C-alpha atoms as a PDB file:
ATOM      1  CA  MET A   1      -0.078  -0.278   0.073  1.00  0.00           C
ATOM      2  CA  ASP A   2       1.322   3.339  -0.973  1.00  0.00           C
ATOM      3  CA  VAL A   3       0.544   6.168   1.289  1.00  0.00           C
ATOM      4  CA  GLN A   4       1.375   9.709   1.578  1.00  0.00           C
ATOM      5  CA  ARG A   5       1.391  11.641   4.615  1.00  0.00           C
ATOM      6  CA  VAL A   6       0.344  14.839   2.419  1.00  0.00           C
ATOM      7  CA  ASP A   7      -1.471  15.847  -0.428  1.00  0.00           C
ATOM      8  CA  ILE A   8      -2.216  18.823  -2.496  1.00  0.00           C
ATOM      9  CA  THR A   9      -5.367  19.991  -4.164  1.00  0.00           C
ATOM     10  CA  ASP A  10      -5.473  21.331  -7.794  1.00  0.00           C
ATOM     11  CA  LYS A  11      -5.953  24.667  -7.385  1.00  0.00           C
ATOM     12  CA  ALA A  12      -2.857  24.481  -5.096  1.00  0.00           C
ATOM     13  CA  THR A  13      -0.881  23.076  -7.272  1.00  0.00           C
ATOM     14  CA  GLU A  14      -1.509  25.920 -10.059  1.00  0.00           C
ATOM     15  CA  LEU A  15      -0.940  28.407  -7.730  1.00  0.00           C
ATOM     16  CA  VAL A  16       2.800  26.675  -6.487  1.00  0.00           C
ATOM     17  CA  LYS A  17       3.948  26.582 -10.028  1.00  0.00           C
ATOM     18  CA  LYS A  18       2.875  30.106 -10.215  1.00  0.00           C
ATOM     19  CA  LEU A  19       5.058  30.897  -7.388  1.00  0.00           C
ATOM     20  CA  GLN A  20       8.101  28.463  -8.463  1.00  0.00           C
ATOM     21  CA  GLU A  21       7.441  29.758 -11.651  1.00  0.00           C
ATOM     22  CA  GLN A  22       8.770  33.772 -10.102  1.00  0.00           C
ATOM     23  CA  TYR A  23      10.736  32.568  -7.554  1.00  0.00           C
ATOM     24  CA  GLY A  24      11.834  28.848  -8.354  1.00  0.00           C
ATOM     25  CA  GLU A  25      13.232  26.092  -6.307  1.00  0.00           C
ATOM     26  CA  LEU A  26      10.695  26.364  -2.571  1.00  0.00           C
ATOM     27  CA  ILE A  27      10.001  24.098   0.420  1.00  0.00           C
ATOM     28  CA  PHE A  28       6.455  24.096   2.739  1.00  0.00           C
ATOM     29  CA  HIS A  29       7.135  24.038   5.975  1.00  0.00           C
ATOM     30  CA  GLN A  30       3.726  23.738   8.535  1.00  0.00           C
ATOM     31  CA  SER A  31       4.190  26.289  11.038  1.00  0.00           C
ATOM     32  CA  GLY A  32       3.922  25.674  15.538  1.00  0.00           C
ATOM     33  CA  GLY A  33       1.592  28.614  15.760  1.00  0.00           C
ATOM     34  CA  CYS A  34       3.150  31.579  14.727  1.00  0.00           C
ATOM     35  CA  CYS A  35       1.399  33.886  12.690  1.00  0.00           C
ATOM     36  CA  ASP A  36      -1.102  32.205  10.918  1.00  0.00           C
ATOM     37  CA  GLY A  37      -1.674  29.602  13.712  1.00  0.00           C
ATOM     38  CA  SER A  38      -0.511  26.104  11.719  1.00  0.00           C
ATOM     39  CA  ALA A  39      -1.157  27.368   8.087  1.00  0.00           C
ATOM     40  CA  PRO A  40       1.474  25.540   5.551  1.00  0.00           C
ATOM     41  CA  MET A  41       3.629  28.651   3.964  1.00  0.00           C
ATOM     42  CA  ILE A  42       5.557  28.521   1.788  1.00  0.00           C
ATOM     43  CA  PHE A  43       9.348  29.744   1.289  1.00  0.00           C
ATOM     44  CA  GLU A  44      12.378  30.458  -1.701  1.00  0.00           C
ATOM     45  CA  ALA A  45      14.590  26.849  -0.744  1.00  0.00           C
ATOM     46  CA  GLY A  46      17.158  28.760   1.923  1.00  0.00           C
ATOM     47  CA  ASP A  47      14.820  31.014   3.075  1.00  0.00           C
ATOM     48  CA  MET A  48      13.918  28.515   5.848  1.00  0.00           C
ATOM     49  CA  TYR A  49      16.382  27.187   8.228  1.00  0.00           C
ATOM     50  CA  LEU A  50      15.584  23.928   9.198  1.00  0.00           C
ATOM     51  CA  ASP A  51      17.162  21.066  10.733  1.00  0.00           C
ATOM     52  CA  ASP A  52      17.131  17.576  12.319  1.00  0.00           C
ATOM     53  CA  SER A  53      14.479  18.778  14.383  1.00  0.00           C
ATOM     54  CA  ASP A  54      12.487  19.448  10.943  1.00  0.00           C
ATOM     55  CA  VAL A  55      10.351  16.050   9.933  1.00  0.00           C
ATOM     56  CA  LEU A  56       9.715  15.629   5.676  1.00  0.00           C
ATOM     57  CA  LEU A  57       6.189  14.413   4.453  1.00  0.00           C
ATOM     58  CA  GLY A  58       6.886  14.628   1.093  1.00  0.00           C
ATOM     59  CA  LYS A  59       6.688  16.405  -1.824  1.00  0.00           C
ATOM     60  CA  ILE A  60       3.513  18.002  -3.082  1.00  0.00           C
ATOM     61  CA  ALA A  61       3.352  19.419  -6.945  1.00  0.00           C
ATOM     62  CA  GLY A  62       7.772  19.476  -6.933  1.00  0.00           C
ATOM     63  CA  VAL A  63       8.839  20.700  -3.404  1.00  0.00           C
ATOM     64  CA  ASN A  64       9.129  18.991  -0.056  1.00  0.00           C
ATOM     65  CA  PHE A  65       6.990  19.488   2.857  1.00  0.00           C
ATOM     66  CA  TYR A  66       7.904  19.883   6.150  1.00  0.00           C
ATOM     67  CA  MET A  67       6.883  19.924  10.211  1.00  0.00           C
ATOM     68  CA  ASN A  68       9.020  20.278  13.046  1.00  0.00           C
ATOM     69  CA  GLN A  69       9.521  17.112  15.010  1.00  0.00           C
ATOM     70  CA  ASP A  70       7.041  18.496  18.127  1.00  0.00           C
ATOM     71  CA  GLN A  71       4.322  19.696  16.345  1.00  0.00           C
ATOM     72  CA  PHE A  72       4.716  15.821  13.982  1.00  0.00           C
ATOM     73  CA  GLU A  73       3.886  14.655  17.011  1.00  0.00           C
ATOM     74  CA  TYR A  74       0.262  15.792  17.106  1.00  0.00           C
ATOM     75  CA  TRP A  75      -0.241  15.584  13.801  1.00  0.00           C
ATOM     76  CA  LYS A  76       1.801  12.094  13.050  1.00  0.00           C
ATOM     77  CA  HIS A  77      -2.004  10.357  13.056  1.00  0.00           C
ATOM     78  CA  THR A  78      -3.367  12.298  10.229  1.00  0.00           C
ATOM     79  CA  HIS A  79      -3.384  13.455   5.715  1.00  0.00           C
ATOM     80  CA  LEU A  80      -2.925  16.540   5.852  1.00  0.00           C
ATOM     81  CA  THR A  81      -4.401  18.039   2.746  1.00  0.00           C
ATOM     82  CA  VAL A  82      -3.110  21.161   1.163  1.00  0.00           C
ATOM     83  CA  ASP A  83      -5.023  23.791  -0.316  1.00  0.00           C
ATOM     84  CA  ILE A  84      -5.550  27.569  -0.934  1.00  0.00           C
ATOM     85  CA  THR A  85      -8.972  30.129  -0.268  1.00  0.00           C
ATOM     86  CA  GLU A  86      -9.028  33.698  -0.798  1.00  0.00           C
ATOM     87  CA  GLY A  87      -7.760  36.026   1.681  1.00  0.00           C
ATOM     88  CA  ARG A  88      -4.401  37.452   2.727  1.00  0.00           C
ATOM     89  CA  GLY A  89      -2.878  35.432   6.112  1.00  0.00           C
ATOM     90  CA  SER A  90      -0.707  37.477   8.082  1.00  0.00           C
ATOM     91  CA  SER A  91       2.244  35.105   7.208  1.00  0.00           C
ATOM     92  CA  PHE A  92       5.760  35.542   5.408  1.00  0.00           C
ATOM     93  CA  SER A  93       4.541  32.903   2.884  1.00  0.00           C
ATOM     94  CA  LEU A  94       5.491  33.862  -1.100  1.00  0.00           C
ATOM     95  CA  GLU A  95       0.618  33.939  -2.155  1.00  0.00           C
ATOM     96  CA  ILE A  96      -0.182  35.760   0.559  1.00  0.00           C
ATOM     97  CA  PRO A  97       0.641  39.643  -1.732  1.00  0.00           C
ATOM     98  CA  LEU A  98      -1.377  37.393  -4.383  1.00  0.00           C
ATOM     99  CA  GLY A  99      -4.336  37.420  -2.549  1.00  0.00           C
ATOM    100  CA  TYR A 100      -4.466  33.797  -0.714  1.00  0.00           C
ATOM    101  CA  ARG A 101      -2.918  31.731   1.874  1.00  0.00           C
ATOM    102  CA  PHE A 102      -1.823  28.349   1.842  1.00  0.00           C
ATOM    103  CA  ILE A 103      -4.427  26.537   4.631  1.00  0.00           C
ATOM    104  CA  VAL A 104      -4.497  22.515   5.616  1.00  0.00           C
ATOM    105  CA  HIS A 105      -7.601  19.749   5.416  1.00  0.00           C
ATOM    106  CA  SER A 106      -6.818  16.859   8.198  1.00  0.00           C
ATOM    107  CA  ARG A 107      -8.290  13.970   8.464  1.00  0.00           C
ATOM    108  CA  LEU A 108      -7.340  11.083  10.805  1.00  0.00           C
ATOM    109  CA  MET A 109      -5.485   8.123   8.686  1.00  0.00           C
ATOM    110  CA  THR A 110      -7.131   4.551   8.227  1.00  0.00           C
ATOM    111  CA  ASP A 111      -6.087   1.792  10.703  1.00  0.00           C
ATOM    112  CA  GLU A 112      -4.435   0.182   7.429  1.00  0.00           C
ATOM    113  CA  GLU A 113      -2.565   3.616   6.232  1.00  0.00           C
ATOM    114  CA  SER A 114      -0.972   3.663   9.577  1.00  0.00           C
ATOM    115  CA  ALA A 115      -0.133   0.684   9.705  1.00  0.00           C
ATOM    116  CA  ALA A 116       1.277   0.891   6.457  1.00  0.00           C
ATOM    117  CA  LEU A 117       3.583   4.472   8.607  1.00  0.00           C
ATOM    118  CA  ASN A 118       4.579   1.798  10.805  1.00  0.00           C
ATOM    119  CA  VAL A 119       2.402   5.121  13.481  1.00  0.00           C
END
């Protein structure tokens, strides 16, 4: 069973592609409560300091998606889907000037998904 921890909607993928054209290589990081709460934020690669405490959850729309290890402990039993909504968030994420912000929809993983990921 091929199980992914994170996915992305078509609308969000379109926005990511726009941002990639403008900025090049990007990364997602699920914030831990600063600024826009627990919103996924997208940055130019190299603009966000990552260390051993950041967990790579997967790749969506060609962009690595990270979350801090402490926050991951709370979210490890969930599947995340990155989407967008209109409106300006209060973060430093690259989509904000375009009048959008990334949001995340979550659901609990099934028993089969959890077993496949050894959660």
